[in-house]
Amino acid sequence: MHYVKAKGILSPNNGMNLYRGCLHGCIYCDSRSRCYCMEHDFEDIEVKENAIELLEHTLKHKRKKCMIGTGAMTDPYIPLEMEIKNTRKALALIEQYGFGVTVQTKSNRVLRDVDLLQKINRKTKSIVQMTLTTYDENLCRKIEPNVSTTKERFETLKEMQTAGIPTVVWLSPILPFINDTKENIVGILELCREAGVYGVICFGMGLTLREGNREYFYQQLDQRFPGIKEKYIQVYKNQYIVNSPSQHSLMEIFYSTCSKYGLVHNNDQIFEYLHQFEDKNETAQMTLWDL
């Protein structure tokens, strides 16, 4: 772990990363890619020591309320968060200044902050986004070794449902020759249905590989799935987008199962939902006026 002073905290799209780097050990992680210009070891977590001050200043001076997002590059609930609490401090500021929030994670540590998420959700909207990759607990431990298992994430989604907090699932990535099966896709979607998930984001049955994450991914394949790396090299060579040979049939299963279970699966519709700020007090006042 090391500290840095950040110049800014929110991106043009109102996203933030309070940390850089991760210890989850997911074998496919795109955030390892060299294009992101991380100048330190991925496991050496960078902490933005002035992140909370920057966030408060930014929220104070924003002219228009909006949804604030976190977790796109680094999970906001890495183990270090339980000590430093930057994510919790950020949520408290978001609630204080009346903004909405969407949190993307793979960790059940998000349950620690249900109280703040509920407070935000009463005034506007808080959404928890959870990544699910495999229905198989043993396989989950192989491809995502240091993070909450699928079962633990599923239980977290159900807890959020009970707390009245909407959820979205990312069905990604689907690794060719590893978890690209009908049973896996249907199994994950059944969990989504049972947990009352609003929608499922899916960009296809595959993953992306580029300089930085490809090397790490292949190294992990050699250790965990002997012989599979050679199939990737033979079939995909140096392709960036690596789609499953079963892409077409699996996407048909995805669409039909989502429709059957009433899960929103239009990516544009889901992203609009994630970014749309709602003032529930204003909506309630308008409803009373209409009466």
Protein backbone atom coordinates (compact mmCIF):
# COMPACT_ATOMS: atom_id res chain seq x y z
CA MET A 1 0.00 0.00 0.00
CA HIS A 2 1.12 3.54 -0.72
CA TYR A 3 -0.45 7.01 -0.63
CA VAL A 4 -0.69 9.65 -3.35
CA LYS A 5 -2.25 13.10 -3.59
CA ALA A 6 -4.86 13.19 -6.34
CA LYS A 7 -5.57 16.27 -8.46
CA GLY A 8 -9.22 15.36 -8.96
CA ILE A 9 -11.69 12.69 -7.90
CA LEU A 10 -14.65 12.62 -10.33
CA SER A 11 -14.40 11.72 -14.01
CA PRO A 12 -16.43 13.62 -16.64
CA ASN A 13 -19.07 10.90 -16.22
CA ASN A 14 -19.12 11.33 -12.42
CA GLY A 15 -17.25 8.11 -11.69
CA MET A 16 -14.57 7.80 -9.04
CA ASN A 17 -11.92 5.34 -7.96
CA LEU A 18 -10.82 5.79 -4.38
CA TYR A 19 -8.12 3.15 -4.79
CA ARG A 20 -5.98 1.81 -7.64
CA GLY A 21 -4.91 -1.83 -7.75
CA CYS A 22 -6.54 -4.89 -6.24
CA LEU A 23 -5.90 -8.07 -4.29
CA HIS A 24 -8.90 -10.08 -5.49
CA GLY A 25 -6.70 -12.05 -7.89
CA CYS A 26 -9.32 -12.48 -10.64
CA ILE A 27 -7.42 -14.20 -13.43
CA TYR A 28 -9.05 -12.19 -16.24
CA CYS A 29 -8.86 -8.64 -14.80
CA ASP A 30 -8.82 -5.98 -17.53
CA SER A 31 -7.59 -3.34 -15.05
CA ARG A 32 -4.14 -4.91 -15.33
CA SER A 33 -3.91 -3.74 -18.94
CA ARG A 34 -0.95 -1.47 -19.65
CA CYS A 35 -3.14 1.09 -21.39
CA TYR A 36 -4.27 2.31 -17.96
CA CYS A 37 -0.70 3.44 -17.22
CA MET A 38 -0.51 2.09 -13.69
CA GLU A 39 3.01 2.86 -12.53
CA HIS A 40 3.11 0.48 -9.59
CA ASP A 41 2.55 -3.23 -8.99
CA PHE A 42 -1.12 -4.11 -9.29
CA GLU A 43 -1.14 -5.64 -5.80
CA ASP A 44 0.47 -2.52 -4.28
CA ILE A 45 -2.74 -0.62 -3.55
CA GLU A 46 -2.65 3.11 -4.27
CA VAL A 47 -4.70 5.12 -1.78
CA LYS A 48 -5.75 8.66 -2.71
CA GLU A 49 -5.11 10.30 0.64
CA ASN A 50 -7.06 13.47 -0.21
CA ALA A 51 -9.96 11.71 -1.98
CA ILE A 52 -12.60 12.55 0.62
CA GLU A 53 -11.64 16.24 0.78
CA LEU A 54 -11.71 16.44 -3.02
CA LEU A 55 -15.09 14.71 -3.16
CA GLU A 56 -16.67 17.03 -0.61
CA HIS A 57 -15.38 20.11 -2.44
CA THR A 58 -16.69 18.75 -5.75
CA LEU A 59 -20.13 17.83 -4.42
CA LYS A 60 -20.48 21.19 -2.70
CA HIS A 61 -19.88 23.03 -5.95
CA LYS A 62 -21.80 20.84 -8.39
CA ARG A 63 -24.64 22.81 -9.98
CA LYS A 64 -26.81 19.79 -10.71
CA LYS A 65 -27.44 16.64 -8.70
CA CYS A 66 -26.50 13.36 -10.39
CA MET A 67 -25.58 9.74 -9.83
CA ILE A 68 -22.05 9.15 -8.53
CA GLY A 69 -20.46 5.86 -9.59
CA THR A 70 -17.60 3.88 -8.11
CA GLY A 71 -15.99 0.51 -8.79
CA ALA A 72 -15.43 0.55 -12.56
CA MET A 73 -11.65 0.13 -12.31
CA THR A 74 -11.00 -0.89 -8.71
CA ASP A 75 -13.45 -2.61 -6.40
CA PRO A 76 -14.38 -0.13 -3.65
CA TYR A 77 -14.61 -3.00 -1.17
CA ILE A 78 -11.10 -4.40 -1.31
CA PRO A 79 -9.97 -5.66 2.14
CA LEU A 80 -8.10 -2.41 2.82
CA GLU A 81 -11.42 -0.53 2.77
CA MET A 82 -12.39 -2.07 6.11
CA GLU A 83 -9.42 -0.27 7.66
CA ILE A 84 -9.34 3.01 5.73
CA LYS A 85 -13.13 3.38 5.17
CA ASN A 86 -12.84 5.78 2.22
CA THR A 87 -15.84 4.19 0.50
CA ARG A 88 -17.99 4.60 3.60
CA LYS A 89 -16.84 8.20 4.03
CA ALA A 90 -17.66 8.88 0.37
CA LEU A 91 -21.15 7.38 0.74
CA ALA A 92 -21.75 9.57 3.79
CA LEU A 93 -20.88 12.67 1.75
CA ILE A 94 -23.05 11.55 -1.15
CA GLU A 95 -25.96 11.15 1.25
CA GLN A 96 -25.25 14.46 2.98
CA TYR A 97 -25.26 16.46 -0.26
CA GLY A 98 -28.24 14.68 -1.80
CA PHE A 99 -26.63 12.79 -4.67
CA GLY A 100 -27.41 9.29 -5.88
CA VAL A 101 -24.89 6.47 -6.06
CA THR A 102 -24.18 3.26 -7.92
CA VAL A 103 -21.57 0.91 -6.47
CA GLN A 104 -19.93 -1.86 -8.49
CA THR A 105 -18.36 -4.69 -6.48
CA LYS A 106 -17.72 -8.42 -6.15
CA SER A 107 -17.55 -8.32 -2.37
CA ASN A 108 -20.09 -8.94 0.37
CA ARG A 109 -18.29 -6.24 2.37
CA VAL A 110 -20.77 -3.85 0.77
CA LEU A 111 -23.26 -5.12 3.38
CA ARG A 112 -21.41 -3.05 5.99
CA ASP A 113 -22.81 0.08 4.31
CA VAL A 114 -26.45 -0.96 3.87
CA ASP A 115 -27.48 1.78 6.32
CA LEU A 116 -25.99 4.54 4.16
CA LEU A 117 -27.25 3.01 0.94
CA GLN A 118 -30.76 2.95 2.40
CA LYS A 119 -30.52 6.59 3.47
CA ILE A 120 -29.44 7.59 -0.03
CA ASN A 121 -32.14 5.42 -1.58
CA ARG A 122 -34.85 7.09 0.46
CA LYS A 123 -33.96 10.50 -1.00
CA THR A 124 -32.88 9.51 -4.50
CA LYS A 125 -31.44 6.24 -5.74
CA SER A 126 -28.66 3.87 -4.68
CA ILE A 127 -27.87 0.82 -6.80
CA VAL A 128 -25.52 -2.06 -6.11
CA GLN A 129 -23.95 -3.67 -9.17
CA MET A 130 -22.56 -7.17 -8.66
CA THR A 131 -20.45 -9.19 -11.08
CA LEU A 132 -21.32 -12.90 -11.45
CA THR A 133 -19.21 -15.13 -13.65
CA THR A 134 -19.95 -18.71 -12.69
CA TYR A 135 -22.66 -20.74 -10.99
CA ASP A 136 -20.02 -23.24 -9.82
CA GLU A 137 -18.51 -22.41 -6.41
CA ASN A 138 -15.35 -24.45 -7.01
CA LEU A 139 -14.77 -22.82 -10.38
CA CYS A 140 -15.37 -19.41 -8.81
CA ARG A 141 -12.54 -20.05 -6.38
CA LYS A 142 -10.22 -20.84 -9.29
CA ILE A 143 -10.96 -17.81 -11.45
CA GLU A 144 -11.69 -15.29 -8.63
CA PRO A 145 -9.63 -16.70 -5.73
CA ASN A 146 -9.61 -13.88 -3.16
CA VAL A 147 -13.11 -12.45 -3.34
CA SER A 148 -16.60 -13.40 -2.22
CA THR A 149 -17.86 -16.57 -3.88
CA THR A 150 -20.92 -16.64 -6.11
CA LYS A 151 -23.02 -17.93 -3.21
CA GLU A 152 -21.84 -15.08 -0.98
CA ARG A 153 -22.59 -12.53 -3.71
CA PHE A 154 -26.02 -14.08 -4.24
CA GLU A 155 -26.77 -13.78 -0.54
CA THR A 156 -25.63 -10.15 -0.71
CA LEU A 157 -28.02 -9.48 -3.60
CA LYS A 158 -30.86 -10.97 -1.55
CA GLU A 159 -29.92 -8.81 1.44
CA MET A 160 -30.07 -5.77 -0.80
CA GLN A 161 -33.49 -6.83 -2.05
CA THR A 162 -34.70 -7.11 1.55
CA ALA A 163 -33.26 -3.65 2.26
CA GLY A 164 -35.11 -2.19 -0.72
CA ILE A 165 -31.93 -1.39 -2.64
CA PRO A 166 -32.09 -2.12 -6.40
CA THR A 167 -29.40 -4.30 -7.94
CA VAL A 168 -27.87 -4.93 -11.34
CA VAL A 169 -25.70 -7.91 -12.30
CA TRP A 170 -22.82 -7.96 -14.76
CA LEU A 171 -22.65 -11.36 -16.44
CA SER A 172 -19.01 -11.04 -17.36
CA PRO A 173 -16.61 -12.35 -18.35
CA ILE A 174 -17.48 -15.68 -19.90
CA LEU A 175 -14.21 -17.54 -20.47
CA PRO A 176 -14.09 -19.80 -23.54
CA PHE A 177 -13.58 -23.49 -22.68
CA ILE A 178 -14.06 -22.72 -18.96
CA ASN A 179 -17.48 -21.26 -18.03
CA ASP A 180 -19.13 -20.88 -21.45
CA THR A 181 -21.90 -23.43 -20.92
CA LYS A 182 -25.68 -23.33 -21.03
CA GLU A 183 -25.83 -24.66 -17.47
CA ASN A 184 -23.68 -21.80 -16.22
CA ILE A 185 -25.63 -19.05 -17.97
CA VAL A 186 -29.03 -20.39 -16.89
CA GLY A 187 -27.75 -21.04 -13.37
CA ILE A 188 -26.58 -17.43 -12.94
CA LEU A 189 -29.84 -16.04 -14.35
CA GLU A 190 -31.84 -18.21 -11.98
CA LEU A 191 -29.92 -16.63 -9.09
CA CYS A 192 -30.70 -13.18 -10.52
CA ARG A 193 -34.39 -14.00 -10.68
CA GLU A 194 -34.45 -15.31 -7.12
CA ALA A 195 -32.57 -12.24 -5.84
CA GLY A 196 -34.96 -9.82 -7.55
CA VAL A 197 -32.27 -8.23 -9.71
CA TYR A 198 -33.46 -5.31 -11.87
CA GLY A 199 -31.36 -6.19 -14.91
CA VAL A 200 -28.37 -8.09 -16.27
CA ILE A 201 -25.63 -6.44 -18.31
CA CYS A 202 -23.98 -8.68 -20.89
CA PHE A 203 -21.74 -7.60 -23.77
CA GLY A 204 -21.36 -11.08 -25.21
CA MET A 205 -20.07 -14.48 -24.24
CA GLY A 206 -16.36 -13.85 -24.00
CA LEU A 207 -13.69 -11.55 -22.59
CA THR A 208 -11.17 -8.98 -23.71
CA LEU A 209 -7.41 -9.51 -23.69
CA ARG A 210 -4.74 -6.92 -24.30
CA GLU A 211 -1.17 -6.21 -23.28
CA GLY A 212 -0.84 -6.54 -19.53
CA ASN A 213 -3.89 -8.60 -18.71
CA ARG A 214 -3.28 -11.19 -21.46
CA GLU A 215 0.09 -12.20 -19.99
CA TYR A 216 -1.33 -12.52 -16.50
CA PHE A 217 -4.35 -14.45 -17.75
CA TYR A 218 -2.19 -16.94 -19.66
CA GLN A 219 0.08 -17.39 -16.65
CA GLN A 220 -2.93 -18.20 -14.51
CA LEU A 221 -4.35 -20.59 -17.13
CA ASP A 222 -1.09 -22.57 -17.03
CA GLN A 223 -1.37 -22.87 -13.24
CA ARG A 224 -5.10 -23.54 -12.93
CA PHE A 225 -6.25 -24.98 -16.27
CA PRO A 226 -3.32 -26.85 -17.89
CA GLY A 227 -3.60 -27.07 -21.68
CA ILE A 228 -6.21 -24.33 -22.08
CA LYS A 229 -3.69 -21.58 -22.89
CA GLU A 230 -2.61 -23.46 -26.01
CA LYS A 231 -6.24 -23.57 -27.21
CA TYR A 232 -6.53 -19.80 -26.74
CA ILE A 233 -3.34 -19.16 -28.71
CA GLN A 234 -4.43 -21.50 -31.48
CA VAL A 235 -7.99 -20.16 -31.79
CA TYR A 236 -7.59 -16.47 -30.94
CA LYS A 237 -3.90 -15.59 -31.45
CA ASN A 238 -3.62 -11.93 -30.31
CA GLN A 239 -7.27 -10.90 -30.69
CA TYR A 240 -8.61 -8.22 -28.35
CA ILE A 241 -12.18 -9.53 -28.26
CA VAL A 242 -12.20 -13.24 -27.44
CA ASN A 243 -15.66 -14.68 -28.00
CA SER A 244 -16.74 -18.19 -27.04
CA PRO A 245 -17.21 -20.63 -29.94
CA SER A 246 -20.74 -20.97 -28.51
CA GLN A 247 -21.35 -17.20 -28.54
CA HIS A 248 -24.45 -17.29 -30.77
CA SER A 249 -26.30 -20.10 -29.00
CA LEU A 250 -25.40 -18.80 -25.52
CA MET A 251 -26.65 -15.31 -26.35
CA GLU A 252 -29.94 -16.79 -27.54
CA ILE A 253 -30.21 -18.63 -24.22
CA PHE A 254 -29.35 -15.41 -22.38
CA TYR A 255 -32.04 -13.37 -24.15
CA SER A 256 -34.76 -16.01 -23.86
CA THR A 257 -34.05 -16.77 -20.19
CA CYS A 258 -33.95 -13.07 -19.24
CA SER A 259 -37.28 -12.55 -21.00
CA LYS A 260 -38.75 -15.58 -19.25
CA TYR A 261 -37.62 -14.32 -15.82
CA GLY A 262 -38.56 -10.67 -16.40
CA LEU A 263 -34.95 -9.46 -16.17
CA VAL A 264 -34.12 -6.29 -18.09
CA HIS A 265 -31.33 -7.21 -20.53
CA ASN A 266 -31.09 -4.25 -22.88
CA ASN A 267 -27.73 -2.70 -21.99
CA ASP A 268 -28.74 0.79 -23.07
CA GLN A 269 -31.87 0.65 -20.92
CA ILE A 270 -29.86 -0.52 -17.90
CA PHE A 271 -27.19 2.16 -18.31
CA GLU A 272 -29.88 4.82 -18.61
CA TYR A 273 -31.35 3.51 -15.35
CA LEU A 274 -27.92 3.59 -13.68
CA HIS A 275 -27.23 7.18 -14.72
CA GLN A 276 -30.69 8.68 -14.25
CA PHE A 277 -30.86 10.77 -11.09
CA GLU A 278 -34.20 10.72 -9.27
CA ASP A 279 -35.36 13.17 -6.61
CA LYS A 280 -37.90 11.11 -4.67
CA ASN A 281 -38.98 14.04 -2.51
CA GLU A 282 -39.79 16.06 -5.61
CA THR A 283 -41.63 13.12 -7.18
CA ALA A 284 -43.68 12.65 -4.01
CA GLN A 285 -44.58 16.34 -3.94
CA MET A 286 -45.68 16.24 -7.58
CA THR A 287 -47.83 13.17 -6.89
CA LEU A 288 -49.52 14.89 -3.94
CA TRP A 289 -50.12 17.98 -6.08
CA ASP A 290 -51.73 15.86 -8.79
CA LEU A 291 -54.12 14.44 -6.20
